[in-house]
Protein backbone atom coordinates (compact mmCIF):
# COMPACT_ATOMS: atom_id res chain seq x y z
CA MET A 1 56.91 -1.86 -42.07
CA LEU A 2 53.12 -1.81 -41.94
CA THR A 3 53.07 -4.97 -39.81
CA VAL A 4 55.46 -3.47 -37.25
CA PHE A 5 53.36 -0.32 -37.15
CA GLY A 6 50.21 -2.45 -36.70
CA MET A 7 51.81 -4.38 -33.85
CA ILE A 8 52.89 -1.19 -32.10
CA PHE A 9 49.44 0.33 -32.62
CA ALA A 10 47.77 -2.83 -31.25
CA PHE A 11 50.10 -2.77 -28.23
CA PHE A 12 49.14 0.80 -27.34
CA ILE A 13 45.43 0.17 -27.91
CA ASN A 14 45.61 -2.87 -25.63
CA ARG A 15 47.38 -0.86 -22.90
CA PHE A 16 44.84 1.95 -23.27
CA ASN A 17 41.95 -0.53 -22.94
CA GLN A 18 43.52 -2.08 -19.84
CA LYS A 19 43.89 1.36 -18.24
CA ILE A 20 40.27 2.26 -19.08
CA GLU A 21 39.04 -1.08 -17.71
CA LYS A 22 40.96 -0.53 -14.46
CA GLU A 23 39.51 2.97 -14.04
CA MET A 24 36.00 1.72 -14.88
CA LYS A 25 36.33 -0.98 -12.23
CA ALA A 26 37.28 1.65 -9.63
CA PHE A 27 34.37 3.82 -10.79
CA ARG A 28 31.93 0.86 -10.51
CA VAL A 29 33.10 0.14 -6.94
CA LEU A 30 32.68 3.81 -5.99
CA PHE A 31 29.27 4.02 -7.66
CA LEU A 32 28.00 0.85 -5.95
CA SER A 33 29.28 2.12 -2.59
CA ILE A 34 27.35 5.37 -3.02
CA VAL A 35 24.20 3.50 -4.07
CA MET A 36 24.44 1.22 -1.03
CA MET A 37 24.87 4.18 1.33
CA MET A 38 21.88 5.93 -0.20
CA ALA A 39 19.77 2.79 -0.06
CA SER A 40 20.59 2.15 3.58
CA SER A 41 19.75 5.73 4.55
CA ALA A 42 16.50 5.55 2.59
CA MET A 43 15.45 2.32 4.30
CA ALA A 44 14.38 3.90 7.57
CA GLN A 45 14.48 7.34 9.13
CA THR A 46 14.79 7.59 12.89
CA VAL A 47 12.31 9.65 14.87
CA TYR A 48 13.71 11.34 17.99
CA ASN A 49 11.88 12.61 21.08
CA SER A 50 12.57 15.90 22.88
CA SER A 51 15.56 14.46 24.78
CA GLY A 52 17.17 13.29 21.54
CA SER A 53 16.52 9.60 22.14
CA SER A 54 15.18 7.41 19.38
CA CYS A 55 11.47 6.80 19.81
CA GLY A 56 10.99 4.91 16.56
CA LYS A 57 11.61 4.69 12.85
CA ILE A 58 9.61 5.28 9.72
CA GLU A 59 10.77 3.02 6.91
CA SER A 60 10.78 3.98 3.24
CA ASP A 61 7.77 1.70 2.62
CA GLY A 62 5.81 3.60 5.31
CA THR A 63 6.12 1.05 8.11
CA ILE A 64 6.22 2.72 11.53
CA ARG A 65 8.34 1.01 14.18
CA ASN A 66 8.62 1.82 17.88
CA SER A 67 11.94 2.08 19.72
CA SER A 68 11.96 -1.72 20.22
CA GLY A 69 11.66 -2.28 16.49
CA SER A 70 8.11 -3.62 16.57
CA SER A 71 5.76 -2.55 13.81
CA VAL A 72 3.12 -0.25 15.30
CA GLY A 73 1.56 1.16 12.16
CA ARG A 74 1.98 2.21 8.58
CA PHE A 75 1.67 5.17 6.24
CA ASP A 76 0.31 3.93 2.91
CA SER A 77 1.28 5.69 -0.31
CA ASP A 78 -2.31 6.95 -0.76
CA GLY A 79 -2.13 8.77 2.61
CA THR A 80 -3.97 6.15 4.67
CA ILE A 81 -2.60 5.69 8.19
CA ARG A 82 -2.91 2.20 9.63
CA ASN A 83 -2.41 0.74 13.12
CA SER A 84 -0.44 -2.43 13.87
CA SER A 85 -3.48 -4.58 12.97
CA GLY A 86 -3.70 -2.99 9.55
CA SER A 87 -6.92 -1.13 10.28
CA SER A 88 -7.28 2.39 8.92
CA ILE A 89 -7.07 4.97 11.72
CA GLY A 90 -6.82 8.04 9.54
CA LYS A 91 -5.63 9.63 6.36
CA ILE A 92 -3.47 12.48 5.14
CA ASP A 93 -5.01 14.27 2.15
CA ARG A 94 -2.86 15.79 -0.58
CA ASP A 95 -3.63 19.29 0.72
CA GLY A 96 -2.23 18.41 4.17
CA THR A 97 -5.59 17.78 5.86
CA ILE A 98 -5.35 15.02 8.45
CA ARG A 99 -8.49 12.93 8.96
CA ASN A 100 -9.56 10.36 11.53
CA SER A 101 -10.94 6.92 10.66
CA SER A 102 -14.44 8.40 10.18
CA GLY A 103 -13.11 10.84 7.58
CA SER A 104 -13.57 13.91 9.78
CA SER A 105 -10.85 16.54 9.64
CA ILE A 106 -8.83 16.56 12.86
CA GLY A 107 -6.11 18.90 11.66
CA LYS A 108 -3.99 20.22 8.87
CA ILE A 109 -0.38 20.98 8.10
CA ASP A 110 0.20 24.22 6.22
CA SER A 111 2.81 24.58 3.50
CA ASP A 112 5.16 26.33 5.96
CA GLY A 113 4.95 23.37 8.37
CA THR A 114 2.49 24.89 10.85
CA VAL A 115 0.27 22.17 12.31
CA ARG A 116 -3.32 23.16 13.07
CA ASN A 117 -6.04 21.34 14.96
CA SER A 118 -9.62 20.98 13.68
CA SER A 119 -10.45 24.47 15.03
CA GLY A 120 -7.62 26.01 13.01
CA SER A 121 -5.48 26.82 16.05
CA SER A 122 -1.76 26.21 15.78
CA VAL A 123 -0.65 23.21 17.85
CA GLY A 124 2.92 23.19 16.61
CA LYS A 125 5.23 23.21 13.65
CA VAL A 126 7.39 20.83 11.64
CA GLU A 127 10.38 22.81 10.45
CA SER A 128 12.13 22.14 7.15
CA ASP A 129 15.03 20.37 8.92
CA GLY A 130 12.60 17.97 10.63
CA THR A 131 12.56 19.66 14.05
CA VAL A 132 9.11 19.38 15.64
CA ARG A 133 7.95 22.19 17.93
CA ASN A 134 4.85 22.48 20.11
CA SER A 135 2.64 25.58 20.18
CA SER A 136 5.02 27.22 22.68
CA GLY A 137 7.95 26.78 20.31
CA SER A 138 9.70 24.15 22.40
CA SER A 139 11.30 21.26 20.55
CA ILE A 140 9.39 18.02 21.11
CA GLY A 141 11.30 15.90 18.62
CA LYS A 142 12.99 15.58 15.28
CA ALA A 143 12.40 13.49 12.19
CA SER A 144 14.65 14.41 9.27
CA GLY A 145 14.07 13.01 5.81
CA ILE A 146 10.41 12.20 6.43
CA PRO A 147 7.58 14.10 4.72
CA ARG A 148 6.21 16.84 7.00
CA GLU A 149 2.66 15.48 6.81
CA ARG A 150 3.77 12.13 8.21
CA VAL A 151 5.81 13.82 10.95
CA ALA A 152 2.80 15.96 11.94
CA ALA A 153 0.52 12.92 12.00
CA TYR A 154 3.09 10.98 14.04
CA PHE A 155 3.68 13.64 16.70
CA PHE A 156 0.37 15.47 16.95
CA PHE A 157 -2.48 13.19 15.93
CA PHE A 158 -1.49 9.51 16.05
CA PRO A 159 1.27 9.17 18.66
CA PHE A 160 2.86 5.84 17.81
CA TYR A 161 5.73 6.33 20.26
């Protein structure tokens, strides 16, 4: 009797394990699909001009590409901004101050996205959704998913497009 019970128990455990394995396989496929979608969207963020056309991309590693796909510069993780030759042309400080290659302040981005020139006058704004506006409030571009400081540097101080 115990052997028959053991065989029946083993049968149900085996079926249960097969069902779990099948569901885990489906979960793994779904999980990997989500990871791949997230990775591809994190690879590069498109920068759009005022007419909605792509004027370049900023890749997750900081590489800046023009609309033809050529590398035209780079944002380093320490805030340094480099041209296509790799030379430093500026820097973004942690407080949002944007500096030229000599280290002089040429502007700043406030916590609300307002972009100011070296005199403190507003020259535009980078809104939370990535919309970039000039001092008149007109949209001059959009760059979603990119840190505001980089967007401000790209549009107002180091026009790579």
